């Protein structure tokens, strides 16, 4: 389908393990090795902190893998609609910056529209 698949997904897929086991001696510098039947897969955590100060710096939020909880529809000047899914951490960061702008408007880097 033309979509590039990351190397780790190819290597540790069912077909990737079969290919690895076929060529395991060559890949192991000529040394014999037992066939590999299963591997541990690591997934990057989607955790992020709620704040920077007080007890909120120690509180973390985590969403389910691959979820985008917010969906936005933008309309440009020509009336064309643009669609975007926004991850939870970006929404929270935006909310934090907006709250900071209200508390200390001179110190905020959020551009005014």
PDB file of N, CA and C in Angstrom:
ATOM      1  N   UNK A   1       0.813  -1.202   0.000  1.00  0.00           N
ATOM      2  CA  UNK A   1       0.000   0.000   0.000  1.00  0.00           C
ATOM      3  C   UNK A   1       0.860   1.271   0.000  1.00  0.00           C
ATOM      4  N   UNK A   2       2.184   1.124  -0.058  1.00  0.00           N
ATOM      5  CA  UNK A   2       3.070   2.274  -0.149  1.00  0.00           C
ATOM      6  C   UNK A   2       3.418   2.904   1.178  1.00  0.00           C
ATOM      7  N   UNK A   3       2.839   2.429   2.275  1.00  0.00           N
ATOM      8  CA  UNK A   3       3.119   2.993   3.587  1.00  0.00           C
ATOM      9  C   UNK A   3       4.395   2.367   4.138  1.00  0.00           C
ATOM     10  N   UNK A   4       5.320   3.208   4.630  1.00  0.00           N
ATOM     11  CA  UNK A   4       6.573   2.700   5.174  1.00  0.00           C
ATOM     12  C   UNK A   4       6.327   2.115   6.567  1.00  0.00           C
ATOM     13  N   UNK A   5       6.793   0.892   6.775  1.00  0.00           N
ATOM     14  CA  UNK A   5       6.619   0.205   8.055  1.00  0.00           C
ATOM     15  C   UNK A   5       7.938   0.300   8.816  1.00  0.00           C
ATOM     16  N   UNK A   6       7.915   0.711  10.093  1.00  0.00           N
ATOM     17  CA  UNK A   6       9.152   0.799  10.865  1.00  0.00           C
ATOM     18  C   UNK A   6       9.871  -0.551  10.934  1.00  0.00           C
ATOM     19  N   UNK A   7      11.208  -0.499  10.943  1.00  0.00           N
ATOM     20  CA  UNK A   7      12.025  -1.713  10.911  1.00  0.00           C
ATOM     21  C   UNK A   7      11.724  -2.651  12.077  1.00  0.00           C
ATOM     22  N   UNK A   8      11.481  -2.101  13.272  1.00  0.00           N
ATOM     23  CA  UNK A   8      11.218  -2.977  14.421  1.00  0.00           C
ATOM     24  C   UNK A   8       9.916  -3.749  14.252  1.00  0.00           C
ATOM     25  N   UNK A   9       8.917  -3.159  13.583  1.00  0.00           N
ATOM     26  CA  UNK A   9       7.661  -3.882  13.354  1.00  0.00           C
ATOM     27  C   UNK A   9       7.849  -5.001  12.343  1.00  0.00           C
ATOM     28  N   UNK A  10       8.690  -4.763  11.338  1.00  0.00           N
ATOM     29  CA  UNK A  10       8.970  -5.795  10.336  1.00  0.00           C
ATOM     30  C   UNK A  10       9.779  -6.920  10.969  1.00  0.00           C
ATOM     31  N   UNK A  11      10.816  -6.555  11.714  1.00  0.00           N
ATOM     32  CA  UNK A  11      11.723  -7.551  12.289  1.00  0.00           C
ATOM     33  C   UNK A  11      11.013  -8.472  13.272  1.00  0.00           C
ATOM     34  N   UNK A  12      10.107  -7.936  14.065  1.00  0.00           N
ATOM     35  CA  UNK A  12       9.483  -8.742  15.103  1.00  0.00           C
ATOM     36  C   UNK A  12       8.073  -9.188  14.742  1.00  0.00           C
ATOM     37  N   UNK A  13       7.728  -9.108  13.480  1.00  0.00           N
ATOM     38  CA  UNK A  13       6.459  -9.670  13.028  1.00  0.00           C
ATOM     39  C   UNK A  13       6.652 -11.172  12.839  1.00  0.00           C
ATOM     40  N   UNK A  14       5.571 -11.886  12.546  1.00  0.00           N
ATOM     41  CA  UNK A  14       5.668 -13.338  12.342  1.00  0.00           C
ATOM     42  C   UNK A  14       6.610 -13.668  11.185  1.00  0.00           C
ATOM     43  N   UNK A  15       6.466 -12.962  10.073  1.00  0.00           N
ATOM     44  CA  UNK A  15       7.331 -13.204   8.916  1.00  0.00           C
ATOM     45  C   UNK A  15       8.767 -12.790   9.197  1.00  0.00           C
ATOM     46  N   UNK A  16       8.941 -11.713   9.952  1.00  0.00           N
ATOM     47  CA  UNK A  16      10.283 -11.248  10.289  1.00  0.00           C
ATOM     48  C   UNK A  16      11.038 -12.261  11.127  1.00  0.00           C
ATOM     49  N   UNK A  17      10.356 -12.890  12.086  1.00  0.00           N
ATOM     50  CA  UNK A  17      10.998 -13.919  12.916  1.00  0.00           C
ATOM     51  C   UNK A  17      11.346 -15.153  12.088  1.00  0.00           C
ATOM     52  N   UNK A  18      10.476 -15.517  11.139  1.00  0.00           N
ATOM     53  CA  UNK A  18      10.785 -16.652  10.257  1.00  0.00           C
ATOM     54  C   UNK A  18      12.040 -16.371   9.445  1.00  0.00           C
ATOM     55  N   UNK A  19      12.144 -15.168   8.886  1.00  0.00           N
ATOM     56  CA  UNK A  19      13.335 -14.788   8.106  1.00  0.00           C
ATOM     57  C   UNK A  19      14.575 -14.777   8.991  1.00  0.00           C
ATOM     58  N   UNK A  20      14.440 -14.272  10.197  1.00  0.00           N
ATOM     59  CA  UNK A  20      15.566 -14.237  11.130  1.00  0.00           C
ATOM     60  C   UNK A  20      16.051 -15.644  11.430  1.00  0.00           C
ATOM     61  N   UNK A  21      15.133 -16.554  11.711  1.00  0.00           N
ATOM     62  CA  UNK A  21      15.521 -17.923  12.050  1.00  0.00           C
ATOM     63  C   UNK A  21      16.122 -18.664  10.860  1.00  0.00           C
ATOM     64  N   UNK A  22      15.714 -18.332   9.631  1.00  0.00           N
ATOM     65  CA  UNK A  22      16.314 -18.953   8.447  1.00  0.00           C
ATOM     66  C   UNK A  22      17.777 -18.550   8.300  1.00  0.00           C
ATOM     67  N   UNK A  23      18.083 -17.303   8.639  1.00  0.00           N
ATOM     68  CA  UNK A  23      19.435 -16.760   8.451  1.00  0.00           C
ATOM     69  C   UNK A  23      20.162 -16.537   9.767  1.00  0.00           C
ATOM     70  N   UNK A  24      19.764 -17.238  10.812  1.00  0.00           N
ATOM     71  CA  UNK A  24      20.286 -16.929  12.145  1.00  0.00           C
ATOM     72  C   UNK A  24      21.786 -17.196  12.270  1.00  0.00           C
ATOM     73  N   UNK A  25      22.291 -18.227  11.607  1.00  0.00           N
ATOM     74  CA  UNK A  25      23.724 -18.519  11.687  1.00  0.00           C
ATOM     75  C   UNK A  25      24.524 -17.414  11.007  1.00  0.00           C
ATOM     76  N   UNK A  26      24.089 -16.984   9.845  1.00  0.00           N
ATOM     77  CA  UNK A  26      24.799 -15.914   9.132  1.00  0.00           C
ATOM     78  C   UNK A  26      24.730 -14.597   9.904  1.00  0.00           C
ATOM     79  N   UNK A  27      23.589 -14.302  10.490  1.00  0.00           N
ATOM     80  CA  UNK A  27      23.430 -13.059  11.240  1.00  0.00           C
ATOM     81  C   UNK A  27      24.174 -13.079  12.573  1.00  0.00           C
ATOM     82  N   UNK A  28      24.521 -14.266  13.053  1.00  0.00           N
ATOM     83  CA  UNK A  28      25.213 -14.421  14.334  1.00  0.00           C
ATOM     84  C   UNK A  28      26.702 -14.705  14.113  1.00  0.00           C
ATOM     85  N   UNK A  29      27.270 -14.163  13.033  1.00  0.00           N
ATOM     86  CA  UNK A  29      28.699 -14.311  12.709  1.00  0.00           C
ATOM     87  C   UNK A  29      29.135 -15.766  12.608  1.00  0.00           C
ATOM     88  N   UNK A  30      28.298 -16.610  12.014  1.00  0.00           N
ATOM     89  CA  UNK A  30      28.651 -18.008  11.774  1.00  0.00           C
ATOM     90  C   UNK A  30      28.450 -18.934  12.960  1.00  0.00           C
ATOM     91  N   UNK A  31      28.038 -18.417  14.098  1.00  0.00           N
ATOM     92  CA  UNK A  31      27.827 -19.254  15.285  1.00  0.00           C
ATOM     93  C   UNK A  31      26.399 -19.794  15.272  1.00  0.00           C
ATOM     94  N   UNK A  32      26.241 -21.036  15.734  1.00  0.00           N
ATOM     95  CA  UNK A  32      24.903 -21.640  15.833  1.00  0.00           C
ATOM     96  C   UNK A  32      24.119 -20.947  16.952  1.00  0.00           C
ATOM     97  N   UNK A  33      22.811 -20.902  16.779  1.00  0.00           N
ATOM     98  CA  UNK A  33      21.942 -20.270  17.776  1.00  0.00           C
ATOM     99  C   UNK A  33      20.588 -20.964  17.749  1.00  0.00           C
ATOM    100  N   UNK A  34      19.966 -21.079  18.904  1.00  0.00           N
ATOM    101  CA  UNK A  34      18.617 -21.639  18.989  1.00  0.00           C
ATOM    102  C   UNK A  34      17.646 -20.727  18.243  1.00  0.00           C
ATOM    103  N   UNK A  35      16.619 -21.285  17.612  1.00  0.00           N
ATOM    104  CA  UNK A  35      15.619 -20.435  16.953  1.00  0.00           C
ATOM    105  C   UNK A  35      14.918 -19.529  17.967  1.00  0.00           C
ATOM    106  N   UNK A  36      14.618 -18.328  17.554  1.00  0.00           N
ATOM    107  CA  UNK A  36      13.916 -17.371  18.408  1.00  0.00           C
ATOM    108  C   UNK A  36      12.424 -17.553  18.174  1.00  0.00           C
ATOM    109  N   UNK A  37      11.690 -17.807  19.262  1.00  0.00           N
ATOM    110  CA  UNK A  37      10.259 -18.080  19.145  1.00  0.00           C
ATOM    111  C   UNK A  37       9.395 -16.913  19.584  1.00  0.00           C
ATOM    112  N   UNK A  38       9.890 -16.108  20.527  1.00  0.00           N
ATOM    113  CA  UNK A  38       9.117 -14.952  20.963  1.00  0.00           C
ATOM    114  C   UNK A  38      10.076 -13.859  21.417  1.00  0.00           C
ATOM    115  N   UNK A  39       9.600 -12.640  21.366  1.00  0.00           N
ATOM    116  CA  UNK A  39      10.410 -11.489  21.758  1.00  0.00           C
ATOM    117  C   UNK A  39       9.576 -10.580  22.650  1.00  0.00           C
ATOM    118  N   UNK A  40      10.259  -9.815  23.469  1.00  0.00           N
ATOM    119  CA  UNK A  40       9.575  -8.799  24.263  1.00  0.00           C
ATOM    120  C   UNK A  40       9.502  -7.536  23.426  1.00  0.00           C
ATOM    121  N   UNK A  41       8.367  -6.893  23.467  1.00  0.00           N
ATOM    122  CA  UNK A  41       8.178  -5.671  22.695  1.00  0.00           C
ATOM    123  C   UNK A  41       7.996  -4.521  23.670  1.00  0.00           C
ATOM    124  N   UNK A  42       8.735  -3.450  23.442  1.00  0.00           N
ATOM    125  CA  UNK A  42       8.665  -2.258  24.282  1.00  0.00           C
ATOM    126  C   UNK A  42       7.823  -1.207  23.582  1.00  0.00           C
ATOM    127  N   UNK A  43       6.944  -0.586  24.326  1.00  0.00           N
ATOM    128  CA  UNK A  43       6.145   0.504  23.776  1.00  0.00           C
ATOM    129  C   UNK A  43       6.409   1.749  24.599  1.00  0.00           C
ATOM    130  N   UNK A  44       6.698   2.834  23.905  1.00  0.00           N
ATOM    131  CA  UNK A  44       6.985   4.102  24.573  1.00  0.00           C
ATOM    132  C   UNK A  44       5.765   4.541  25.378  1.00  0.00           C
ATOM    133  N   UNK A  45       6.000   4.977  26.596  1.00  0.00           N
ATOM    134  CA  UNK A  45       4.906   5.427  27.451  1.00  0.00           C
ATOM    135  C   UNK A  45       4.405   6.783  26.986  1.00  0.00           C
ATOM    136  N   UNK A  46       3.119   6.988  27.049  1.00  0.00           N
ATOM    137  CA  UNK A  46       2.538   8.266  26.674  1.00  0.00           C
ATOM    138  C   UNK A  46       2.291   9.140  27.890  1.00  0.00           C
ATOM    139  N   UNK A  47       3.060   8.928  28.955  1.00  0.00           N
ATOM    140  CA  UNK A  47       2.843   9.686  30.188  1.00  0.00           C
ATOM    141  C   UNK A  47       3.421  11.086  30.066  1.00  0.00           C
ATOM    142  N   UNK A  48       2.747  12.037  30.671  1.00  0.00           N
ATOM    143  CA  UNK A  48       3.265  13.394  30.749  1.00  0.00           C
ATOM    144  C   UNK A  48       2.755  14.019  32.033  1.00  0.00           C
ATOM    145  N   UNK A  49       3.520  14.980  32.568  1.00  0.00           N
ATOM    146  CA  UNK A  49       3.159  15.558  33.859  1.00  0.00           C
ATOM    147  C   UNK A  49       2.067  16.603  33.687  1.00  0.00           C
ATOM    148  N   UNK A  50       1.287  16.789  34.744  1.00  0.00           N
ATOM    149  CA  UNK A  50       0.205  17.766  34.720  1.00  0.00           C
ATOM    150  C   UNK A  50       0.701  19.186  34.932  1.00  0.00           C
ATOM    151  N   UNK A  51       1.782  19.349  35.670  1.00  0.00           N
ATOM    152  CA  UNK A  51       2.273  20.694  35.954  1.00  0.00           C
ATOM    153  C   UNK A  51       3.747  20.697  36.265  1.00  0.00           C
ATOM    154  N   UNK A  52       4.262  21.899  36.588  1.00  0.00           N
ATOM    155  CA  UNK A  52       5.688  22.050  36.874  1.00  0.00           C
ATOM    156  C   UNK A  52       5.970  22.364  38.336  1.00  0.00           C
ATOM    157  N   UNK A  53       4.978  22.824  39.067  1.00  0.00           N
ATOM    158  CA  UNK A  53       5.214  23.230  40.447  1.00  0.00           C
ATOM    159  C   UNK A  53       4.254  22.514  41.385  1.00  0.00           C
ATOM    160  N   UNK A  54       4.574  22.566  42.669  1.00  0.00           N
ATOM    161  CA  UNK A  54       3.712  21.970  43.688  1.00  0.00           C
ATOM    162  C   UNK A  54       3.589  20.471  43.524  1.00  0.00           C
ATOM    163  N   UNK A  55       2.457  19.932  43.967  1.00  0.00           N
ATOM    164  CA  UNK A  55       2.279  18.481  43.884  1.00  0.00           C
ATOM    165  C   UNK A  55       1.919  18.023  42.473  1.00  0.00           C
ATOM    166  N   UNK A  56       1.577  18.945  41.566  1.00  0.00           N
ATOM    167  CA  UNK A  56       1.211  18.553  40.207  1.00  0.00           C
ATOM    168  C   UNK A  56       2.413  18.090  39.391  1.00  0.00           C
ATOM    169  N   UNK A  57       3.628  18.489  39.802  1.00  0.00           N
ATOM    170  CA  UNK A  57       4.811  18.041  39.054  1.00  0.00           C
ATOM    171  C   UNK A  57       5.034  16.541  39.216  1.00  0.00           C
ATOM    172  N   UNK A  58       4.461  15.946  40.267  1.00  0.00           N
ATOM    173  CA  UNK A  58       4.605  14.510  40.513  1.00  0.00           C
ATOM    174  C   UNK A  58       3.405  13.708  40.013  1.00  0.00           C
ATOM    175  N   UNK A  59       2.399  14.380  39.472  1.00  0.00           N
ATOM    176  CA  UNK A  59       1.212  13.691  38.960  1.00  0.00           C
ATOM    177  C   UNK A  59       1.329  13.548  37.450  1.00  0.00           C
ATOM    178  N   UNK A  60       1.069  12.340  36.963  1.00  0.00           N
ATOM    179  CA  UNK A  60       1.194  12.062  35.540  1.00  0.00           C
ATOM    180  C   UNK A  60      -0.124  11.565  34.982  1.00  0.00           C
ATOM    181  N   UNK A  61      -0.312  11.796  33.689  1.00  0.00           N
ATOM    182  CA  UNK A  61      -1.495  11.339  32.966  1.00  0.00           C
ATOM    183  C   UNK A  61      -1.015  10.436  31.851  1.00  0.00           C
ATOM    184  N   UNK A  62      -1.756   9.377  31.596  1.00  0.00           N
ATOM    185  CA  UNK A  62      -1.407   8.479  30.499  1.00  0.00           C
ATOM    186  C   UNK A  62      -2.680   8.111  29.749  1.00  0.00           C
ATOM    187  N   UNK A  63      -2.596   8.170  28.421  1.00  0.00           N
ATOM    188  CA  UNK A  63      -3.739   7.779  27.603  1.00  0.00           C
ATOM    189  C   UNK A  63      -3.476   6.412  27.005  1.00  0.00           C
ATOM    190  N   UNK A  64      -4.508   5.773  26.540  1.00  0.00           N
ATOM    191  CA  UNK A  64      -4.342   4.482  25.878  1.00  0.00           C
ATOM    192  C   UNK A  64      -3.531   4.677  24.606  1.00  0.00           C
ATOM    193  N   UNK A  65      -2.783   3.688  24.244  1.00  0.00           N
ATOM    194  CA  UNK A  65      -1.894   3.772  23.093  1.00  0.00           C
ATOM    195  C   UNK A  65      -2.666   4.065  21.810  1.00  0.00           C
ATOM    196  N   UNK A  66      -2.164   5.043  21.066  1.00  0.00           N
ATOM    197  CA  UNK A  66      -2.735   5.344  19.767  1.00  0.00           C
ATOM    198  C   UNK A  66      -4.061   6.080  19.782  1.00  0.00           C
ATOM    199  N   UNK A  67      -4.459   6.605  20.925  1.00  0.00           N
ATOM    200  CA  UNK A  67      -5.745   7.295  20.964  1.00  0.00           C
ATOM    201  C   UNK A  67      -5.559   8.791  20.814  1.00  0.00           C
ATOM    202  N   UNK A  68      -6.429   9.404  20.099  1.00  0.00           N
ATOM    203  CA  UNK A  68      -6.528  10.855  20.006  1.00  0.00           C
ATOM    204  C   UNK A  68      -7.926  11.188  20.482  1.00  0.00           C
ATOM    205  N   UNK A  69      -7.993  11.855  21.604  1.00  0.00           N
ATOM    206  CA  UNK A  69      -9.279  12.036  22.246  1.00  0.00           C
ATOM    207  C   UNK A  69     -10.037  13.265  21.773  1.00  0.00           C
ATOM    208  N   UNK A  70      -9.375  14.131  20.999  1.00  0.00           N
ATOM    209  CA  UNK A  70     -10.018  15.354  20.550  1.00  0.00           C
ATOM    210  C   UNK A  70      -9.942  15.445  19.033  1.00  0.00           C
ATOM    211  N   UNK A  71     -11.020  15.897  18.448  1.00  0.00           N
ATOM    212  CA  UNK A  71     -11.096  16.049  16.999  1.00  0.00           C
ATOM    213  C   UNK A  71     -11.555  17.470  16.725  1.00  0.00           C
ATOM    214  N   UNK A  72     -10.808  18.192  15.893  1.00  0.00           N
ATOM    215  CA  UNK A  72     -11.137  19.591  15.611  1.00  0.00           C
ATOM    216  C   UNK A  72     -11.481  19.765  14.140  1.00  0.00           C
ATOM    217  N   UNK A  73     -12.424  20.647  13.887  1.00  0.00           N
ATOM    218  CA  UNK A  73     -12.775  21.032  12.519  1.00  0.00           C
ATOM    219  C   UNK A  73     -12.534  22.535  12.416  1.00  0.00           C
ATOM    220  N   UNK A  74     -11.601  22.904  11.536  1.00  0.00           N
ATOM    221  CA  UNK A  74     -11.283  24.305  11.318  1.00  0.00           C
ATOM    222  C   UNK A  74     -11.844  24.735   9.972  1.00  0.00           C
ATOM    223  N   UNK A  75     -12.301  25.964   9.897  1.00  0.00           N
ATOM    224  CA  UNK A  75     -12.801  26.504   8.635  1.00  0.00           C
ATOM    225  C   UNK A  75     -11.897  27.675   8.252  1.00  0.00           C
ATOM    226  N   UNK A  76     -11.296  27.622   7.044  1.00  0.00           N
ATOM    227  CA  UNK A  76     -10.422  28.713   6.617  1.00  0.00           C
ATOM    228  C   UNK A  76     -11.241  29.859   6.023  1.00  0.00           C
ATOM    229  N   UNK A  77     -10.562  30.899   5.550  1.00  0.00           N
ATOM    230  CA  UNK A  77     -11.246  32.094   5.028  1.00  0.00           C
ATOM    231  C   UNK A  77     -12.086  31.801   3.790  1.00  0.00           C
ATOM    232  N   UNK A  78     -11.733  30.762   3.044  1.00  0.00           N
ATOM    233  CA  UNK A  78     -12.488  30.393   1.841  1.00  0.00           C
ATOM    234  C   UNK A  78     -13.666  29.479   2.150  1.00  0.00           C
ATOM    235  N   UNK A  79     -13.841  29.128   3.412  1.00  0.00           N
ATOM    236  CA  UNK A  79     -14.937  28.254   3.805  1.00  0.00           C
ATOM    237  C   UNK A  79     -14.597  26.774   3.741  1.00  0.00           C
ATOM    238  N   UNK A  80     -13.350  26.447   3.371  1.00  0.00           N
ATOM    239  CA  UNK A  80     -12.941  25.044   3.300  1.00  0.00           C
ATOM    240  C   UNK A  80     -12.702  24.512   4.714  1.00  0.00           C
ATOM    241  N   UNK A  81     -13.204  23.317   4.969  1.00  0.00           N
ATOM    242  CA  UNK A  81     -13.027  22.701   6.286  1.00  0.00           C
ATOM    243  C   UNK A  81     -11.747  21.882   6.328  1.00  0.00           C
ATOM    244  N   UNK A  82     -11.016  22.002   7.437  1.00  0.00           N
ATOM    245  CA  UNK A  82      -9.814  21.206   7.685  1.00  0.00           C
ATOM    246  C   UNK A  82     -10.051  20.414   8.956  1.00  0.00           C
ATOM    247  N   UNK A  83      -9.651  19.156   8.945  1.00  0.00           N
ATOM    248  CA  UNK A  83      -9.890  18.261  10.076  1.00  0.00           C
ATOM    249  C   UNK A  83      -8.565  17.894  10.721  1.00  0.00           C
ATOM    250  N   UNK A  84      -8.567  17.797  12.040  1.00  0.00           N
ATOM    251  CA  UNK A  84      -7.338  17.450  12.745  1.00  0.00           C
ATOM    252  C   UNK A  84      -7.681  16.686  14.018  1.00  0.00           C
ATOM    253  N   UNK A  85      -6.933  15.608  14.286  1.00  0.00           N
ATOM    254  CA  UNK A  85      -7.045  14.926  15.576  1.00  0.00           C
ATOM    255  C   UNK A  85      -5.923  15.451  16.453  1.00  0.00           C
ATOM    256  N   UNK A  86      -6.233  15.717  17.700  1.00  0.00           N
ATOM    257  CA  UNK A  86      -5.280  16.347  18.608  1.00  0.00           C
ATOM    258  C   UNK A  86      -5.064  15.432  19.808  1.00  0.00           C
ATOM    259  N   UNK A  87      -3.804  15.043  20.084  1.00  0.00           N
ATOM    260  CA  UNK A  87      -3.520  14.197  21.247  1.00  0.00           C
ATOM    261  C   UNK A  87      -3.829  14.918  22.562  1.00  0.00           C
ATOM    262  N   UNK A  88      -4.151  14.144  23.580  1.00  0.00           N
ATOM    263  CA  UNK A  88      -4.531  14.686  24.881  1.00  0.00           C
ATOM    264  C   UNK A  88      -3.444  15.579  25.467  1.00  0.00           C
ATOM    265  N   UNK A  89      -2.162  15.176  25.337  1.00  0.00           N
ATOM    266  CA  UNK A  89      -1.095  15.979  25.947  1.00  0.00           C
ATOM    267  C   UNK A  89      -1.009  17.369  25.319  1.00  0.00           C
ATOM    268  N   UNK A  90      -1.292  17.504  24.011  1.00  0.00           N
ATOM    269  CA  UNK A  90      -1.286  18.824  23.376  1.00  0.00           C
ATOM    270  C   UNK A  90      -2.444  19.676  23.883  1.00  0.00           C
ATOM    271  N   UNK A  91      -3.593  19.069  24.112  1.00  0.00           N
ATOM    272  CA  UNK A  91      -4.747  19.802  24.644  1.00  0.00           C
ATOM    273  C   UNK A  91      -4.440  20.322  26.044  1.00  0.00           C
ATOM    274  N   UNK A  92      -3.875  19.467  26.890  1.00  0.00           N
ATOM    275  CA  UNK A  92      -3.566  19.878  28.265  1.00  0.00           C
ATOM    276  C   UNK A  92      -2.512  20.972  28.264  1.00  0.00           C
ATOM    277  N   UNK A  93      -1.481  20.844  27.419  1.00  0.00           N
ATOM    278  CA  UNK A  93      -0.437  21.868  27.339  1.00  0.00           C
ATOM    279  C   UNK A  93      -1.038  23.200  26.886  1.00  0.00           C
ATOM    280  N   UNK A  94      -1.929  23.156  25.923  1.00  0.00           N
ATOM    281  CA  UNK A  94      -2.599  24.367  25.444  1.00  0.00           C
ATOM    282  C   UNK A  94      -3.439  24.999  26.553  1.00  0.00           C
ATOM    283  N   UNK A  95      -4.143  24.162  27.307  1.00  0.00           N
ATOM    284  CA  UNK A  95      -4.957  24.662  28.418  1.00  0.00           C
ATOM    285  C   UNK A  95      -4.076  25.298  29.492  1.00  0.00           C
ATOM    286  N   UNK A  96      -2.928  24.658  29.784  1.00  0.00           N
ATOM    287  CA  UNK A  96      -2.017  25.209  30.793  1.00  0.00           C
ATOM    288  C   UNK A  96      -1.474  26.558  30.339  1.00  0.00           C
ATOM    289  N   UNK A  97      -1.096  26.683  29.063  1.00  0.00           N
ATOM    290  CA  UNK A  97      -0.582  27.955  28.560  1.00  0.00           C
ATOM    291  C   UNK A  97      -1.654  29.033  28.594  1.00  0.00           C
ATOM    292  N   UNK A  98      -2.889  28.666  28.281  1.00  0.00           N
ATOM    293  CA  UNK A  98      -3.986  29.625  28.338  1.00  0.00           C
ATOM    294  C   UNK A  98      -4.240  30.111  29.755  1.00  0.00           C
ATOM    295  N   UNK A  99      -4.173  29.215  30.727  1.00  0.00           N
ATOM    296  CA  UNK A  99      -4.358  29.588  32.128  1.00  0.00           C
ATOM    297  C   UNK A  99      -3.212  30.475  32.591  1.00  0.00           C
ATOM    298  N   UNK A 100      -1.986  30.161  32.139  1.00  0.00           N
ATOM    299  CA  UNK A 100      -0.817  30.956  32.510  1.00  0.00           C
ATOM    300  C   UNK A 100      -0.940  32.363  31.925  1.00  0.00           C
ATOM    301  N   UNK A 101      -1.483  32.457  30.709  1.00  0.00           N
ATOM    302  CA  UNK A 101      -1.657  33.762  30.060  1.00  0.00           C
ATOM    303  C   UNK A 101      -2.606  34.643  30.873  1.00  0.00           C
ATOM    304  N   UNK A 102      -3.646  34.047  31.450  1.00  0.00           N
ATOM    305  CA  UNK A 102      -4.595  34.820  32.250  1.00  0.00           C
ATOM    306  C   UNK A 102      -3.960  35.287  33.562  1.00  0.00           C
ATOM    307  N   UNK A 103      -3.089  34.447  34.163  1.00  0.00           N
ATOM    308  CA  UNK A 103      -2.452  34.802  35.427  1.00  0.00           C
ATOM    309  C   UNK A 103      -1.344  35.834  35.235  1.00  0.00           C
ATOM    310  N   UNK A 104      -0.479  35.609  34.238  1.00  0.00           N
ATOM    311  CA  UNK A 104       0.679  36.478  34.006  1.00  0.00           C
ATOM    312  C   UNK A 104       0.787  36.785  32.515  1.00  0.00           C
ATOM    313  N   UNK A 105      -0.025  37.700  31.997  1.00  0.00           N
ATOM    314  CA  UNK A 105      -0.064  37.931  30.551  1.00  0.00           C
ATOM    315  C   UNK A 105       1.256  38.422  29.967  1.00  0.00           C
ATOM    316  N   UNK A 106       2.078  39.112  30.731  1.00  0.00           N
ATOM    317  CA  UNK A 106       3.349  39.628  30.205  1.00  0.00           C
ATOM    318  C   UNK A 106       4.402  38.541  30.050  1.00  0.00           C
ATOM    319  N   UNK A 107       4.252  37.421  30.739  1.00  0.00           N
ATOM    320  CA  UNK A 107       5.251  36.353  30.700  1.00  0.00           C
ATOM    321  C   UNK A 107       4.874  35.213  29.764  1.00  0.00           C
ATOM    322  N   UNK A 108       3.715  35.288  29.150  1.00  0.00           N
ATOM    323  CA  UNK A 108       3.235  34.183  28.325  1.00  0.00           C
ATOM    324  C   UNK A 108       3.728  34.310  26.891  1.00  0.00           C
ATOM    325  N   UNK A 109       4.082  33.168  26.290  1.00  0.00           N
ATOM    326  CA  UNK A 109       4.573  33.172  24.914  1.00  0.00           C
ATOM    327  C   UNK A 109       3.502  32.750  23.912  1.00  0.00           C
ATOM    328  N   UNK A 110       2.263  32.631  24.358  1.00  0.00           N
ATOM    329  CA  UNK A 110       1.185  32.242  23.453  1.00  0.00           C
ATOM    330  C   UNK A 110       0.814  33.452  22.603  1.00  0.00           C
ATOM    331  N   UNK A 111       0.846  33.324  21.263  1.00  0.00           N
ATOM    332  CA  UNK A 111       0.514  34.480  20.424  1.00  0.00           C
ATOM    333  C   UNK A 111      -0.962  34.845  20.538  1.00  0.00           C
ATOM    334  N   UNK A 112      -1.221  36.122  20.513  1.00  0.00           N
ATOM    335  CA  UNK A 112      -2.610  36.594  20.565  1.00  0.00           C
ATOM    336  C   UNK A 112      -3.147  36.649  19.148  1.00  0.00           C
ATOM    337  N   UNK A 113      -4.385  36.214  18.961  1.00  0.00           N
ATOM    338  CA  UNK A 113      -4.989  36.217  17.614  1.00  0.00           C
ATOM    339  C   UNK A 113      -5.754  37.486  17.371  1.00  0.00           C
TER     340      UNK A 113
END
